[in-house]
Each structure stands twice: as C-alpha cells, then as structure tokens.
Protein backbone atom coordinates (compact mmCIF):
# COMPACT_ATOMS: atom_id res chain seq x y z
CA MET A 1 25.84 2.77 50.02
CA VAL A 2 23.87 5.19 47.86
CA VAL A 3 26.50 4.94 45.12
CA VAL A 4 26.31 1.15 45.23
CA LEU A 5 22.52 1.24 44.89
CA VAL A 6 22.70 3.68 41.98
CA LEU A 7 25.27 1.52 40.20
CA ALA A 8 23.19 -1.58 40.82
CA ALA A 9 20.08 0.11 39.44
CA ALA A 10 22.00 1.30 36.39
CA GLY A 11 23.34 -2.20 35.84
CA ALA A 12 19.85 -3.68 36.07
CA ALA A 13 18.51 -1.13 33.59
CA ALA A 14 21.33 -1.91 31.19
CA ALA A 15 20.63 -5.60 31.52
CA THR A 16 16.98 -5.12 30.60
CA THR A 17 17.79 -3.01 27.54
CA LYS A 18 20.73 -5.07 26.30
CA LYS A 19 19.92 -6.87 23.08
CA LYS A 20 20.38 -10.59 22.76
CA GLU A 21 21.34 -12.85 19.90
CA CYS A 22 18.39 -13.61 17.66
CA ASN A 23 17.07 -17.07 16.91
CA ALA A 24 19.62 -19.27 15.11
CA GLY A 25 17.21 -20.02 12.27
CA ASP A 26 16.48 -16.33 11.79
CA LYS A 27 20.18 -15.53 11.74
CA ALA A 28 20.83 -18.23 9.14
CA ALA A 29 18.01 -16.85 6.97
CA LEU A 30 19.39 -13.30 7.17
CA LEU A 31 22.89 -14.47 6.21
CA ALA A 32 21.37 -16.39 3.30
CA ILE A 33 19.63 -13.20 2.14
CA LYS A 34 22.93 -11.34 2.30
CA LYS A 35 24.71 -14.05 0.33
CA ALA A 36 21.97 -14.21 -2.33
CA LEU A 37 22.39 -10.49 -2.94
CA GLY A 38 26.16 -10.84 -3.37
CA ASP A 39 27.35 -9.77 0.10
CA PRO A 40 26.80 -6.05 -0.61
CA TYR A 41 28.14 -3.26 1.58
CA HIS A 42 24.55 -2.44 2.56
CA PHE A 43 24.69 -5.43 4.93
CA ALA A 44 28.16 -4.72 6.31
CA SER A 45 26.88 -5.02 9.90
CA TRP A 46 25.50 -8.50 9.21
CA THR A 47 28.44 -10.48 10.55
CA PRO A 48 28.59 -13.38 13.03
CA ASP A 49 30.54 -11.12 15.40
CA ASN A 50 27.57 -8.77 15.86
CA LEU A 51 24.32 -9.61 17.61
CA CYS A 52 21.84 -10.00 14.76
CA CYS A 53 19.12 -8.08 16.61
CA GLU A 54 21.45 -5.08 16.22
CA TRP A 55 22.03 -5.57 12.50
CA TYR A 56 21.06 -2.75 10.14
CA ASP A 57 17.49 -3.09 8.77
CA VAL A 58 16.57 -5.79 11.33
CA THR A 59 13.99 -5.57 14.12
CA CYS A 60 13.58 -8.20 16.84
CA ASP A 61 10.77 -8.83 19.29
CA ASP A 62 11.87 -7.60 22.73
CA THR A 63 10.48 -10.66 24.46
CA THR A 64 11.27 -13.54 22.14
CA ASP A 65 14.25 -12.10 20.22
CA ARG A 66 12.72 -13.45 17.01
CA VAL A 67 13.21 -11.32 13.91
CA VAL A 68 9.86 -9.62 13.29
CA GLY A 69 10.89 -6.85 10.90
CA LEU A 70 13.13 -6.53 7.85
CA SER A 71 13.26 -3.12 6.16
CA VAL A 72 15.70 -2.79 3.28
CA PHE A 73 15.54 0.69 1.77
CA GLN A 74 17.23 3.48 -0.18
CA ASP A 75 20.22 1.87 -1.85
CA ALA A 76 20.75 2.43 -5.58
CA ASN A 77 23.67 -0.01 -5.59
CA LEU A 78 21.78 -3.03 -4.32
CA THR A 79 21.15 -5.45 -7.22
CA GLY A 80 19.44 -8.78 -7.73
CA THR A 81 16.03 -10.20 -6.85
CA ILE A 82 14.21 -10.53 -3.56
CA PRO A 83 15.80 -13.71 -2.17
CA ASP A 84 13.77 -16.84 -1.48
CA ALA A 85 15.59 -16.98 1.85
CA VAL A 86 13.06 -14.49 3.29
CA ALA A 87 10.84 -17.55 3.82
CA GLY A 88 13.15 -18.55 6.66
CA LEU A 89 12.06 -15.53 8.72
CA THR A 90 8.97 -17.33 9.94
CA HIS A 91 8.04 -14.76 12.63
CA LEU A 92 8.27 -11.77 10.30
CA ARG A 93 5.48 -9.21 10.74
CA THR A 94 6.79 -6.40 8.52
CA LEU A 95 8.74 -6.74 5.28
CA THR A 96 9.91 -3.69 3.32
CA TRP A 97 11.91 -3.37 0.10
CA HIS A 98 11.74 0.34 -0.71
CA HIS A 99 13.54 2.69 -3.08
CA LEU A 100 15.83 0.00 -4.49
CA PRO A 101 15.85 0.79 -8.24
CA GLN A 102 18.03 -2.20 -9.19
CA ILE A 103 16.06 -4.86 -7.34
CA SER A 104 14.20 -6.68 -10.11
CA GLY A 105 12.44 -9.91 -10.99
CA PRO A 106 9.04 -11.12 -9.78
CA ILE A 107 7.61 -11.11 -6.28
CA PRO A 108 8.87 -14.49 -5.02
CA PRO A 109 6.47 -17.26 -3.93
CA ALA A 110 8.62 -17.57 -0.80
CA ILE A 111 6.72 -14.58 0.62
CA ALA A 112 3.58 -16.74 0.73
CA LYS A 113 5.15 -18.67 3.63
CA LEU A 114 5.24 -15.58 5.88
CA ASN A 115 1.84 -16.19 7.42
CA ARG A 116 2.40 -13.72 10.29
CA LEU A 117 3.05 -10.81 7.91
CA SER A 118 0.88 -7.75 8.57
CA LEU A 119 2.74 -5.15 6.48
CA LEU A 120 4.26 -5.79 3.04
CA ILE A 121 5.95 -2.96 1.14
CA ILE A 122 7.73 -3.49 -2.18
CA SER A 123 7.91 -0.05 -3.75
CA TRP A 124 10.11 2.11 -5.96
CA THR A 125 11.91 -0.93 -7.37
CA ALA A 126 12.27 -2.63 -10.78
CA VAL A 127 10.18 -5.60 -9.62
CA SER A 128 8.02 -6.88 -12.49
CA GLY A 129 5.60 -9.65 -13.38
CA PRO A 130 2.08 -10.05 -11.98
CA VAL A 131 0.63 -9.13 -8.64
CA PRO A 132 0.65 -12.74 -7.39
CA SER A 133 -2.57 -14.32 -6.29
CA PHE A 134 -0.71 -16.09 -3.46
CA LEU A 135 -0.68 -12.80 -1.56
CA GLY A 136 -4.31 -13.63 -0.78
CA GLY A 137 -3.00 -16.33 1.54
CA LEU A 138 -1.35 -13.84 3.90
CA LYS A 139 -4.33 -13.77 6.25
CA SER A 140 -2.72 -11.38 8.77
CA LEU A 141 -1.96 -8.69 6.18
CA THR A 142 -3.35 -5.25 6.99
CA LEU A 143 -1.41 -3.02 4.55
CA LEU A 144 -0.09 -3.81 1.06
CA ASP A 145 2.08 -1.32 -0.85
CA LEU A 146 3.35 -2.38 -4.29
CA SER A 147 3.56 1.12 -5.75
CA PHE A 148 6.13 2.49 -8.21
CA ASN A 149 7.20 -0.81 -9.77
CA SER A 150 6.77 -2.47 -13.18
CA LEU A 151 4.01 -4.91 -12.28
CA THR A 152 1.71 -6.07 -15.09
CA GLY A 153 -1.53 -7.98 -15.52
CA ALA A 154 -4.74 -7.83 -13.52
CA ILE A 155 -5.34 -7.28 -9.82
CA PRO A 156 -6.03 -10.74 -8.34
CA PRO A 157 -9.46 -11.08 -6.70
CA SER A 158 -7.77 -13.04 -3.91
CA LEU A 159 -6.65 -9.76 -2.30
CA ALA A 160 -10.25 -9.04 -1.37
CA ALA A 161 -10.35 -12.23 0.72
CA LEU A 162 -7.84 -10.89 3.24
CA PRO A 163 -9.87 -10.36 6.43
CA PHE A 164 -7.80 -7.55 7.97
CA LEU A 165 -6.62 -5.73 4.84
CA SER A 166 -7.50 -2.03 5.05
CA GLY A 167 -4.96 -0.37 2.76
CA ILE A 168 -3.87 -1.15 -0.81
CA ASP A 169 -1.46 0.93 -2.90
CA ILE A 170 -0.54 -0.50 -6.30
CA SER A 171 -0.29 2.86 -8.05
CA ARG A 172 2.22 3.66 -10.79
CA ASN A 173 2.58 0.23 -12.32
CA ARG A 174 1.40 -1.27 -15.62
CA LEU A 175 -1.72 -3.04 -14.45
CA THR A 176 -4.53 -3.86 -16.87
CA GLY A 177 -7.96 -5.43 -16.76
CA PRO A 178 -11.04 -4.72 -14.64
CA LEU A 179 -11.20 -3.90 -10.95
CA PRO A 180 -12.25 -6.91 -8.83
CA PRO A 181 -15.71 -5.94 -7.46
CA ALA A 182 -14.94 -7.60 -4.13
CA LEU A 183 -12.30 -4.96 -3.40
CA PHE A 184 -15.17 -2.56 -2.83
CA SER A 185 -17.11 -4.82 -0.49
CA LYS A 186 -14.61 -6.67 1.68
CA LEU A 187 -11.77 -4.34 2.64
CA ASN A 188 -11.53 -3.93 6.41
CA THR A 189 -12.55 -0.46 7.62
CA THR A 190 -12.00 -0.99 11.34
CA GLN A 191 -8.24 -0.47 11.28
CA GLN A 192 -6.89 2.79 12.68
CA GLY A 193 -6.44 5.36 9.93
CA GLY A 194 -9.34 4.17 7.78
CA ALA A 195 -9.40 2.21 4.55
CA TYR A 196 -7.67 3.41 1.43
CA LEU A 197 -7.34 2.23 -2.15
CA ARG A 198 -4.69 3.75 -4.43
CA LEU A 199 -4.47 2.38 -7.96
CA SER A 200 -3.59 5.49 -9.96
CA ARG A 201 -1.42 5.59 -13.10
CA ASN A 202 -2.11 2.14 -14.47
CA ASN A 203 -4.29 1.05 -17.39
CA LEU A 204 -7.21 -0.44 -15.48
CA THR A 205 -10.58 -0.71 -17.21
CA GLY A 206 -14.25 -1.15 -16.37
CA GLY A 207 -16.01 0.44 -13.44
CA ILE A 208 -16.72 0.27 -9.73
CA PRO A 209 -19.90 -0.83 -7.94
CA ALA A 210 -22.49 1.94 -7.75
CA GLU A 211 -22.50 1.98 -3.95
CA TYR A 212 -18.93 0.80 -3.27
CA GLY A 213 -20.44 -2.39 -1.85
CA GLY A 214 -20.38 -0.90 1.65
CA VAL A 215 -16.69 -0.05 2.09
CA ALA A 216 -16.24 3.42 3.60
CA PHE A 217 -12.96 4.38 1.95
CA GLU A 218 -11.28 7.36 3.53
CA VAL A 219 -9.08 7.80 0.47
CA MET A 220 -9.64 6.39 -3.02
CA ASP A 221 -7.39 7.33 -5.93
CA LEU A 222 -8.20 5.66 -9.26
CA SER A 223 -6.92 8.52 -11.40
CA ARG A 224 -5.07 8.15 -14.72
CA ASN A 225 -6.48 4.81 -15.80
CA ALA A 226 -8.92 3.78 -18.54
CA LEU A 227 -12.00 3.36 -16.34
CA SER A 228 -15.32 3.82 -18.11
CA PHE A 229 -18.67 3.82 -16.28
CA ASP A 230 -21.74 5.99 -15.74
CA MET A 231 -21.00 8.12 -12.70
CA THR A 232 -24.59 9.32 -12.33
CA GLY A 233 -25.61 6.44 -10.09
CA LEU A 234 -22.47 6.42 -7.95
CA ARG A 235 -23.26 6.52 -4.23
CA LEU A 236 -20.46 7.61 -1.93
CA GLN A 237 -20.08 6.32 1.60
CA GLU A 238 -20.08 8.83 4.46
CA GLY A 239 -16.54 9.18 5.76
CA VAL A 240 -14.77 9.49 2.43
CA SER A 241 -12.34 12.41 2.57
CA SER A 242 -10.54 12.16 -0.77
CA LEU A 243 -11.79 10.81 -4.10
CA ASP A 244 -9.77 11.19 -7.31
CA LEU A 245 -11.26 9.76 -10.51
CA SER A 246 -9.57 12.20 -12.87
CA HIS A 247 -8.05 11.29 -16.24
CA ASN A 248 -10.37 8.38 -17.06
CA MET A 249 -13.33 7.94 -19.42
CA LEU A 250 -16.23 8.42 -17.00
CA TYR A 251 -19.55 9.54 -18.46
CA GLY A 252 -22.93 10.62 -17.13
CA GLY A 253 -23.26 13.37 -14.53
CA VAL A 254 -21.84 14.29 -11.13
CA PRO A 255 -24.08 12.86 -8.37
CA ALA A 256 -25.91 15.40 -6.22
CA GLN A 257 -24.62 13.61 -3.14
CA VAL A 258 -21.10 14.95 -3.78
CA ALA A 259 -22.08 18.43 -2.63
CA GLY A 260 -23.59 17.23 0.64
CA LEU A 261 -20.89 14.99 2.05
CA SER A 262 -19.28 16.93 4.88
CA SER A 263 -16.38 14.48 5.10
CA LEU A 264 -15.39 14.96 1.45
CA GLN A 265 -12.51 17.43 1.32
CA ASP A 266 -10.77 16.55 -1.97
CA PHE A 267 -12.73 15.64 -5.08
CA ASN A 268 -11.46 15.45 -8.66
CA VAL A 269 -13.24 14.21 -11.80
CA SER A 270 -11.36 16.38 -14.31
CA TYR A 271 -10.39 15.02 -17.72
CA ASN A 272 -13.36 12.69 -18.23
CA ARG A 273 -16.51 12.71 -20.41
CA LEU A 274 -19.02 13.93 -17.86
CA CYS A 275 -21.95 16.12 -18.84
CA GLY A 276 -24.78 18.14 -17.33
CA GLU A 277 -25.28 20.70 -14.59
CA LEU A 278 -23.15 20.43 -11.50
CA PRO A 279 -25.15 19.89 -8.29
CA ALA A 280 -25.86 22.81 -6.02
CA GLY A 281 -23.06 23.14 -3.53
CA ALA A 282 -20.38 21.79 -5.87
CA ALA A 283 -18.83 25.26 -5.83
CA ARG A 284 -17.18 24.39 -2.52
CA PHE A 285 -14.64 22.59 -4.71
CA ASP A 286 -12.48 24.57 -7.13
CA GLN A 287 -13.12 24.59 -10.87
CA TYR A 288 -10.06 22.43 -11.52
CA SER A 289 -11.93 19.53 -9.94
CA PHE A 290 -14.26 19.49 -12.97
CA PHE A 291 -12.13 20.83 -15.85
CA HIS A 292 -11.90 19.15 -19.27
CA ASN A 293 -15.15 17.24 -19.40
CA LYS A 294 -17.54 16.93 -22.31
CA CYS A 295 -20.24 19.38 -21.25
CA LEU A 296 -20.33 20.04 -17.53
CA CYS A 297 -21.67 23.45 -16.57
CA GLY A 298 -22.51 25.60 -13.58
CA PRO A 299 -20.49 26.83 -10.58
CA PRO A 300 -17.61 26.56 -9.93
CA LEU A 301 -17.04 26.22 -13.69
CA PRO A 302 -17.13 29.44 -15.68
CA THR A 303 -19.52 27.80 -18.17
CA PRO A 304 -23.15 28.71 -17.42
CA CYS A 305 -25.93 26.18 -18.00
CA ASN A 306 -28.58 27.08 -20.62
C-alpha cells in the first residue's frame, strides 16, 4: 500500500512538471524564425517531434504554455538578420540576441509589435542602422541593452517616454549627436537594482542637465565620447555609486559635492579639460581618477596648488 502511494505521488509530481506543447501560433512563429535563418544547426531541437516548450533557447509560461522568452546566444556560425517572424511571439516578455557576430542588418520594426516585452537585449552582433524610435512604444520595457553593435545616429528621445525603463546600455556603438535631456529626468528608479545609463565609447556630443533632472542613477558611464560642458555646476543625486565621465572634453572644475557623497564609490573624470583645485576629501579617490586634465591640482594629484 505504501509503495502504491509513493508511486502515485511520484506520478502526480511528474504530471505537474511535465511540459506541454506550446501555443500553435507561437510554434509557427518559432519555425518561421528558424526557416528565415536558413535552418541552422543552432535550432536542431526545433522540430515538430519535440514539444516546443522544450526547444533550445525557448522559455514558456508554466501556466499558459505561451512562449514568453527567446534567448539566442553565442553562435559565431549563425548568419542573417533578426527575422520579422519574432512579431508572431505575441506573449514574449524577454528577447535576447547576444554574441552573434554574423547577425546583421537593422533592428526590425517587427519588434515594435511585442508590447509585452520587458527585456530586450541585442548585443555583441553586427546589427547596424539607427536606434529606432519605435522602441519608445514598448511600454512594458524595463531594460534595454543594445551594446557592442554598429548602431549609428542619435539616441531617440522616445526612449525617455518608457514608464518602467530603468536601465539603458548602448555602449560601444557609433552613436552621434546630443544626449536627449529627458533621459535624465524620466528613467524609472523604482526597479530593483537601481537605474543605470551606459553610453560609453560612442561619439556623443553636448552635455547633461546640471542636476540630472532628478534621476538617481546608481551607475552612469558616459566615458569616451565627445561630451563638452562645464562640470562646475553639476549636482549629483544621492545614491550614485559609479560615475565615469573620462575621455571627453569637460571643462570647469570638479564640484565640491563629489567629496561628500557617501554612496559614490567609483569616480573618474580623467582625460578632460578640467581645471582648478580639487575639493577637500577628493583624496579618497585615487589620482588616476583625475589624471590628464588641463590644470587640476591638489590631493590626490601630485601637483600642488599655488
């Protein structure tokens, strides 16, 4: 009797964990993606004989069996463009195309139809063209990572209209033009992990609002661009832990506030055109944080102030 009960319990547990076939529309969309990319070996498990919730790179909702995640990553042999067929995955919440050096072409407008999307990662690819303004229509988006691509043009102001967006990484592209001021006033800071903005290694110009417009960035990396503004009046928000403005064309002086922010752990304004005496307390950062400026002086720099 005990054995029967144990076997029955085990059977019930197996039944609750057994995966089901995904939605027919989702399955058709996935097979269309595979076909558009030339039926590569990467999607060898994507066959009608296998339950599509068990296919490689695919995640289904445990309750509805709808496809909610597609993560294609780390395949140097995968070629082509991001297929328009992704638009058929209407319940998708996360979409990742990562470390795919031969995936090229623009970010397809089909992505604009994924209105449930909360996480979009297209990184370490050969994707080119602009950062499309239609991304501003993805109202559920919380994190956007378009780093390490060949994107060009300006950052669309529409990104700042996303109500839940708390993290943007478009570093290591070929972006130009000014920073949209609204990025510094409307990013969501209530998400777990804090807000971050990473735009390093582009060719962005102009400046940032003196007081960040109220966004308490935990991490902001705008290094290695062509930004040019007077840093003297910059007011940092409490809560910032890392700020990198190195390798730009900043001028003016280092604000006294920098030395007093207890949350600020990493600070770098090296390789700019800053001048004047460093504020008292700046010595808590190393001298490399201030190297190669026009005429900064005082601790931690070895140059004394006259």
